[in-house]
Amino acid sequence: QVQLVESGGGLVQAGGSLRLSCAASGDSITKYQVGWFYQAPGKQRELVAEITSGGWTTYVNSVKGRFTISRDYGKNAVNLHMNYLKTEDTAIYYCAAQVSDTGRYDNWGQGTQVTVST
């Protein structure tokens, strides 16, 4: 079964950039639709961006033009490039894959903290 591990989080000033990586082991991540989610303190987990196995991408309106989701085939990973970060982007970021045929995200990483300061 595929296992997902996020990395790349940290502390950054507003206006800065970070690149998050979701590295897969145990299977090829290219087979699956993958999403990046964020969960701010006291709030529900929300979808930020997702990429299908065919490469189609979608984004939540609040990150359009600032975030880019992409596949790194050489590293068996899915990255989330985050530019022009805002304080409201502060959250724990999770990646997840739709492994079963249910159409649900059912395989999750442990999350990585992103903190954007003023």
N, C-alpha and C. Protein backbone atom coordinates (compact mmCIF):
# COMPACT_ATOMS: atom_id res chain seq x y z
N GLN A 1 0.85 -1.19 0.00
CA GLN A 1 0.00 0.00 0.00
C GLN A 1 0.88 1.23 0.00
N VAL A 2 0.45 2.25 -0.73
CA VAL A 2 1.26 3.46 -0.82
C VAL A 2 1.27 4.18 0.52
N GLN A 3 2.44 4.69 0.88
CA GLN A 3 2.61 5.50 2.09
C GLN A 3 3.07 6.88 1.67
N LEU A 4 2.50 7.90 2.29
CA LEU A 4 2.77 9.28 1.92
C LEU A 4 3.45 10.01 3.06
N VAL A 5 4.47 10.78 2.73
CA VAL A 5 5.20 11.57 3.73
C VAL A 5 5.37 12.98 3.20
N GLU A 6 4.87 13.95 3.95
CA GLU A 6 5.02 15.35 3.56
C GLU A 6 6.30 15.93 4.15
N SER A 7 6.84 16.91 3.44
CA SER A 7 8.00 17.65 3.93
C SER A 7 7.97 19.04 3.31
N GLY A 8 8.81 19.91 3.85
CA GLY A 8 8.97 21.23 3.27
C GLY A 8 8.30 22.36 4.01
N GLY A 9 7.56 22.02 5.06
CA GLY A 9 6.93 23.08 5.83
C GLY A 9 7.95 23.88 6.62
N GLY A 10 7.48 24.97 7.20
CA GLY A 10 8.37 25.79 8.01
C GLY A 10 7.77 27.15 8.26
N LEU A 11 8.63 28.06 8.71
CA LEU A 11 8.25 29.43 9.01
C LEU A 11 8.73 30.34 7.90
N VAL A 12 7.84 31.17 7.38
CA VAL A 12 8.19 32.07 6.29
C VAL A 12 7.46 33.39 6.49
N GLN A 13 8.05 34.46 6.03
CA GLN A 13 7.40 35.76 6.12
C GLN A 13 6.33 35.89 5.03
N ALA A 14 5.35 36.70 5.31
CA ALA A 14 4.32 36.98 4.32
C ALA A 14 4.97 37.49 3.04
N GLY A 15 4.46 36.98 1.92
CA GLY A 15 5.03 37.32 0.62
C GLY A 15 6.08 36.34 0.15
N GLY A 16 6.49 35.47 1.03
CA GLY A 16 7.52 34.49 0.70
C GLY A 16 6.96 33.25 0.03
N SER A 17 7.83 32.26 -0.14
CA SER A 17 7.48 31.04 -0.86
C SER A 17 7.95 29.81 -0.10
N LEU A 18 7.24 28.73 -0.31
CA LEU A 18 7.64 27.42 0.18
C LEU A 18 7.26 26.38 -0.85
N ARG A 19 7.97 25.28 -0.84
CA ARG A 19 7.59 24.14 -1.66
C ARG A 19 7.38 22.94 -0.77
N LEU A 20 6.18 22.42 -0.76
CA LEU A 20 5.87 21.22 -0.01
C LEU A 20 6.00 20.01 -0.94
N SER A 21 6.45 18.91 -0.37
CA SER A 21 6.59 17.69 -1.14
C SER A 21 5.83 16.56 -0.46
N CYS A 22 5.15 15.77 -1.25
CA CYS A 22 4.44 14.58 -0.78
C CYS A 22 5.10 13.39 -1.46
N ALA A 23 5.98 12.72 -0.72
CA ALA A 23 6.73 11.61 -1.29
C ALA A 23 6.03 10.29 -1.00
N ALA A 24 5.97 9.47 -2.02
CA ALA A 24 5.28 8.19 -1.89
C ALA A 24 6.27 7.04 -1.87
N SER A 25 5.91 6.01 -1.12
CA SER A 25 6.66 4.76 -1.13
C SER A 25 5.67 3.60 -1.15
N GLY A 26 6.12 2.47 -1.66
CA GLY A 26 5.26 1.30 -1.70
C GLY A 26 4.48 1.16 -2.99
N ASP A 27 4.36 2.21 -3.74
CA ASP A 27 3.61 2.19 -5.00
C ASP A 27 3.89 3.48 -5.74
N SER A 28 3.53 3.49 -7.01
CA SER A 28 3.71 4.71 -7.79
C SER A 28 2.57 5.67 -7.54
N ILE A 29 2.94 6.90 -7.14
CA ILE A 29 1.93 7.90 -6.84
C ILE A 29 1.24 8.39 -8.11
N THR A 30 1.86 8.12 -9.27
CA THR A 30 1.29 8.61 -10.52
C THR A 30 -0.04 7.92 -10.86
N LYS A 31 -0.30 6.78 -10.21
CA LYS A 31 -1.55 6.05 -10.47
C LYS A 31 -2.75 6.73 -9.87
N TYR A 32 -2.52 7.60 -8.89
CA TYR A 32 -3.61 8.10 -8.05
C TYR A 32 -3.87 9.59 -8.21
N GLN A 33 -5.11 9.96 -7.99
CA GLN A 33 -5.41 11.37 -7.82
C GLN A 33 -4.92 11.78 -6.44
N VAL A 34 -4.23 12.91 -6.38
CA VAL A 34 -3.62 13.37 -5.13
C VAL A 34 -4.09 14.78 -4.82
N GLY A 35 -4.37 15.00 -3.57
CA GLY A 35 -4.79 16.33 -3.14
C GLY A 35 -3.93 16.84 -2.01
N TRP A 36 -3.80 18.15 -1.94
CA TRP A 36 -3.20 18.83 -0.80
C TRP A 36 -4.34 19.53 -0.05
N PHE A 37 -4.32 19.35 1.27
CA PHE A 37 -5.34 19.93 2.13
C PHE A 37 -4.65 20.79 3.18
N TYR A 38 -5.40 21.76 3.74
CA TYR A 38 -4.87 22.45 4.90
C TYR A 38 -5.91 22.50 6.01
N GLN A 39 -5.38 22.56 7.20
CA GLN A 39 -6.23 22.64 8.38
C GLN A 39 -5.66 23.69 9.31
N ALA A 40 -6.37 24.82 9.39
CA ALA A 40 -5.97 25.90 10.29
C ALA A 40 -6.48 25.59 11.69
N PRO A 41 -5.87 26.19 12.70
CA PRO A 41 -6.31 25.94 14.08
C PRO A 41 -7.80 26.22 14.26
N GLY A 42 -8.51 25.25 14.82
CA GLY A 42 -9.93 25.41 15.09
C GLY A 42 -10.83 25.30 13.90
N LYS A 43 -10.27 24.93 12.75
CA LYS A 43 -11.08 24.85 11.54
C LYS A 43 -11.02 23.44 10.95
N GLN A 44 -11.94 23.17 10.07
CA GLN A 44 -11.96 21.87 9.40
C GLN A 44 -10.91 21.80 8.31
N ARG A 45 -10.51 20.59 8.01
CA ARG A 45 -9.56 20.36 6.94
C ARG A 45 -10.24 20.70 5.60
N GLU A 46 -9.52 21.43 4.75
CA GLU A 46 -10.07 21.85 3.46
C GLU A 46 -9.13 21.48 2.32
N LEU A 47 -9.72 21.19 1.19
CA LEU A 47 -8.93 20.91 0.00
C LEU A 47 -8.34 22.20 -0.55
N VAL A 48 -7.04 22.17 -0.83
CA VAL A 48 -6.35 23.32 -1.41
C VAL A 48 -6.19 23.16 -2.91
N ALA A 49 -5.70 22.00 -3.31
CA ALA A 49 -5.43 21.74 -4.73
C ALA A 49 -5.39 20.24 -4.93
N GLU A 50 -5.69 19.82 -6.14
CA GLU A 50 -5.62 18.40 -6.44
C GLU A 50 -5.18 18.21 -7.88
N ILE A 51 -4.62 17.02 -8.13
CA ILE A 51 -4.15 16.70 -9.47
C ILE A 51 -4.58 15.27 -9.77
N THR A 52 -5.16 15.08 -10.95
CA THR A 52 -5.61 13.76 -11.33
C THR A 52 -4.44 12.94 -11.88
N SER A 53 -4.69 11.66 -12.09
CA SER A 53 -3.65 10.81 -12.67
C SER A 53 -3.30 11.27 -14.08
N GLY A 54 -4.24 11.95 -14.73
CA GLY A 54 -4.00 12.47 -16.07
C GLY A 54 -3.38 13.84 -16.10
N GLY A 55 -3.19 14.44 -14.90
CA GLY A 55 -2.52 15.72 -14.84
C GLY A 55 -3.41 16.94 -14.73
N TRP A 56 -4.74 16.74 -14.69
CA TRP A 56 -5.64 17.87 -14.53
C TRP A 56 -5.53 18.40 -13.11
N THR A 57 -5.55 19.71 -12.98
CA THR A 57 -5.41 20.33 -11.66
C THR A 57 -6.59 21.23 -11.34
N THR A 58 -6.93 21.31 -10.08
CA THR A 58 -7.93 22.24 -9.60
C THR A 58 -7.43 22.87 -8.31
N TYR A 59 -7.92 24.09 -8.04
CA TYR A 59 -7.48 24.85 -6.88
C TYR A 59 -8.68 25.51 -6.21
N VAL A 60 -8.57 25.67 -4.90
CA VAL A 60 -9.55 26.48 -4.21
C VAL A 60 -9.29 27.94 -4.59
N ASN A 61 -10.34 28.74 -4.66
CA ASN A 61 -10.22 30.12 -5.16
C ASN A 61 -9.17 30.93 -4.41
N SER A 62 -9.03 30.70 -3.12
CA SER A 62 -8.14 31.54 -2.32
C SER A 62 -6.67 31.36 -2.67
N VAL A 63 -6.32 30.30 -3.38
CA VAL A 63 -4.90 30.07 -3.70
C VAL A 63 -4.62 30.14 -5.20
N LYS A 64 -5.64 30.33 -6.00
CA LYS A 64 -5.44 30.41 -7.45
C LYS A 64 -4.47 31.54 -7.80
N GLY A 65 -3.51 31.23 -8.64
CA GLY A 65 -2.52 32.21 -9.03
C GLY A 65 -1.34 32.29 -8.09
N ARG A 66 -1.45 31.63 -6.93
CA ARG A 66 -0.35 31.67 -5.96
C ARG A 66 0.26 30.28 -5.74
N PHE A 67 -0.57 29.24 -5.75
CA PHE A 67 -0.11 27.88 -5.51
C PHE A 67 -0.14 27.08 -6.81
N THR A 68 0.79 26.15 -6.92
CA THR A 68 0.82 25.25 -8.07
C THR A 68 1.08 23.83 -7.59
N ILE A 69 0.23 22.91 -8.01
CA ILE A 69 0.43 21.50 -7.68
C ILE A 69 1.02 20.82 -8.91
N SER A 70 2.00 19.95 -8.68
CA SER A 70 2.65 19.30 -9.81
C SER A 70 3.20 17.95 -9.38
N ARG A 71 3.44 17.12 -10.38
CA ARG A 71 4.01 15.80 -10.10
C ARG A 71 5.52 15.83 -10.36
N ASP A 72 6.26 15.16 -9.50
CA ASP A 72 7.69 14.95 -9.69
C ASP A 72 7.87 13.46 -9.94
N TYR A 73 7.91 13.09 -11.22
CA TYR A 73 7.93 11.68 -11.58
C TYR A 73 9.24 11.02 -11.12
N GLY A 74 10.32 11.75 -11.16
CA GLY A 74 11.61 11.19 -10.78
C GLY A 74 11.69 10.84 -9.30
N LYS A 75 10.96 11.60 -8.48
CA LYS A 75 10.99 11.38 -7.03
C LYS A 75 9.72 10.71 -6.52
N ASN A 76 8.83 10.33 -7.43
CA ASN A 76 7.58 9.69 -7.02
C ASN A 76 6.86 10.55 -5.98
N ALA A 77 6.67 11.79 -6.34
CA ALA A 77 6.11 12.75 -5.38
C ALA A 77 5.15 13.71 -6.08
N VAL A 78 4.37 14.37 -5.28
CA VAL A 78 3.53 15.48 -5.73
C VAL A 78 3.89 16.70 -4.89
N ASN A 79 4.22 17.78 -5.56
CA ASN A 79 4.66 18.99 -4.88
C ASN A 79 3.57 20.06 -4.88
N LEU A 80 3.65 20.91 -3.90
CA LEU A 80 2.79 22.09 -3.84
C LEU A 80 3.71 23.30 -3.70
N HIS A 81 3.79 24.07 -4.78
CA HIS A 81 4.59 25.29 -4.77
C HIS A 81 3.70 26.43 -4.31
N MET A 82 4.11 27.09 -3.25
CA MET A 82 3.30 28.14 -2.66
C MET A 82 4.06 29.46 -2.73
N ASN A 83 3.50 30.41 -3.45
CA ASN A 83 4.10 31.74 -3.60
C ASN A 83 3.18 32.79 -3.00
N TYR A 84 3.77 33.98 -2.74
CA TYR A 84 3.00 35.10 -2.20
C TYR A 84 2.18 34.68 -0.99
N LEU A 85 2.83 33.99 -0.09
CA LEU A 85 2.13 33.45 1.07
C LEU A 85 1.56 34.56 1.94
N LYS A 86 0.39 34.26 2.52
CA LYS A 86 -0.30 35.19 3.39
C LYS A 86 -0.41 34.57 4.78
N THR A 87 -0.63 35.41 5.76
CA THR A 87 -0.74 34.89 7.13
C THR A 87 -1.89 33.90 7.24
N GLU A 88 -2.93 34.10 6.47
CA GLU A 88 -4.08 33.18 6.52
C GLU A 88 -3.79 31.82 5.89
N ASP A 89 -2.63 31.66 5.28
CA ASP A 89 -2.22 30.35 4.77
C ASP A 89 -1.63 29.48 5.87
N THR A 90 -1.43 30.04 7.05
CA THR A 90 -0.89 29.28 8.16
C THR A 90 -1.80 28.12 8.51
N ALA A 91 -1.23 26.91 8.50
CA ALA A 91 -2.03 25.70 8.74
C ALA A 91 -1.10 24.50 8.73
N ILE A 92 -1.67 23.36 9.09
CA ILE A 92 -1.00 22.08 8.83
C ILE A 92 -1.46 21.63 7.45
N TYR A 93 -0.51 21.29 6.61
CA TYR A 93 -0.81 20.85 5.25
C TYR A 93 -0.64 19.34 5.14
N TYR A 94 -1.64 18.70 4.58
CA TYR A 94 -1.64 17.26 4.40
C TYR A 94 -1.77 16.92 2.92
N CYS A 95 -1.11 15.84 2.52
CA CYS A 95 -1.41 15.30 1.20
C CYS A 95 -2.17 14.00 1.38
N ALA A 96 -2.94 13.67 0.37
CA ALA A 96 -3.75 12.46 0.42
C ALA A 96 -3.95 11.93 -0.99
N ALA A 97 -4.17 10.64 -1.08
CA ALA A 97 -4.40 9.99 -2.37
C ALA A 97 -5.72 9.23 -2.36
N GLN A 98 -6.33 9.16 -3.51
CA GLN A 98 -7.54 8.34 -3.70
C GLN A 98 -7.06 6.97 -4.16
N VAL A 99 -6.89 6.06 -3.20
CA VAL A 99 -6.33 4.76 -3.51
C VAL A 99 -7.42 3.76 -3.89
N SER A 100 -8.52 3.77 -3.16
CA SER A 100 -9.61 2.84 -3.47
C SER A 100 -10.46 3.41 -4.60
N ASP A 101 -11.48 2.70 -4.98
CA ASP A 101 -12.36 3.14 -6.08
C ASP A 101 -13.57 3.92 -5.58
N THR A 102 -13.48 4.41 -4.35
CA THR A 102 -14.63 5.11 -3.77
C THR A 102 -14.71 6.56 -4.20
N GLY A 103 -13.64 7.08 -4.79
CA GLY A 103 -13.61 8.49 -5.12
C GLY A 103 -13.32 9.38 -3.94
N ARG A 104 -12.92 8.78 -2.83
CA ARG A 104 -12.60 9.53 -1.62
C ARG A 104 -11.09 9.50 -1.38
N TYR A 105 -10.63 10.53 -0.70
CA TYR A 105 -9.23 10.54 -0.29
C TYR A 105 -9.12 9.65 0.95
N ASP A 106 -8.45 8.52 0.80
CA ASP A 106 -8.45 7.52 1.86
C ASP A 106 -7.06 7.13 2.33
N ASN A 107 -6.04 7.77 1.83
CA ASN A 107 -4.68 7.48 2.25
C ASN A 107 -3.99 8.81 2.50
N TRP A 108 -3.59 9.05 3.75
CA TRP A 108 -3.13 10.36 4.19
C TRP A 108 -1.71 10.34 4.72
N GLY A 109 -1.02 11.45 4.53
CA GLY A 109 0.25 11.66 5.18
C GLY A 109 0.03 12.21 6.57
N GLN A 110 1.14 12.49 7.26
CA GLN A 110 1.06 12.92 8.66
C GLN A 110 0.94 14.43 8.81
N GLY A 111 1.19 15.14 7.74
CA GLY A 111 1.05 16.60 7.76
C GLY A 111 2.36 17.31 8.01
N THR A 112 2.42 18.55 7.54
CA THR A 112 3.58 19.40 7.77
C THR A 112 3.08 20.81 8.06
N GLN A 113 3.70 21.45 9.05
CA GLN A 113 3.24 22.76 9.51
C GLN A 113 3.81 23.87 8.64
N VAL A 114 2.94 24.76 8.22
CA VAL A 114 3.35 25.98 7.52
C VAL A 114 2.89 27.17 8.36
N THR A 115 3.82 28.02 8.70
CA THR A 115 3.51 29.22 9.49
C THR A 115 3.99 30.44 8.73
N VAL A 116 3.08 31.36 8.46
CA VAL A 116 3.40 32.58 7.73
C VAL A 116 3.30 33.74 8.70
N SER A 117 4.39 34.45 8.86
CA SER A 117 4.43 35.57 9.82
C SER A 117 4.33 36.90 9.09
N THR A 118 3.96 37.92 9.85
CA THR A 118 3.87 39.26 9.27
C THR A 118 5.24 39.90 9.17
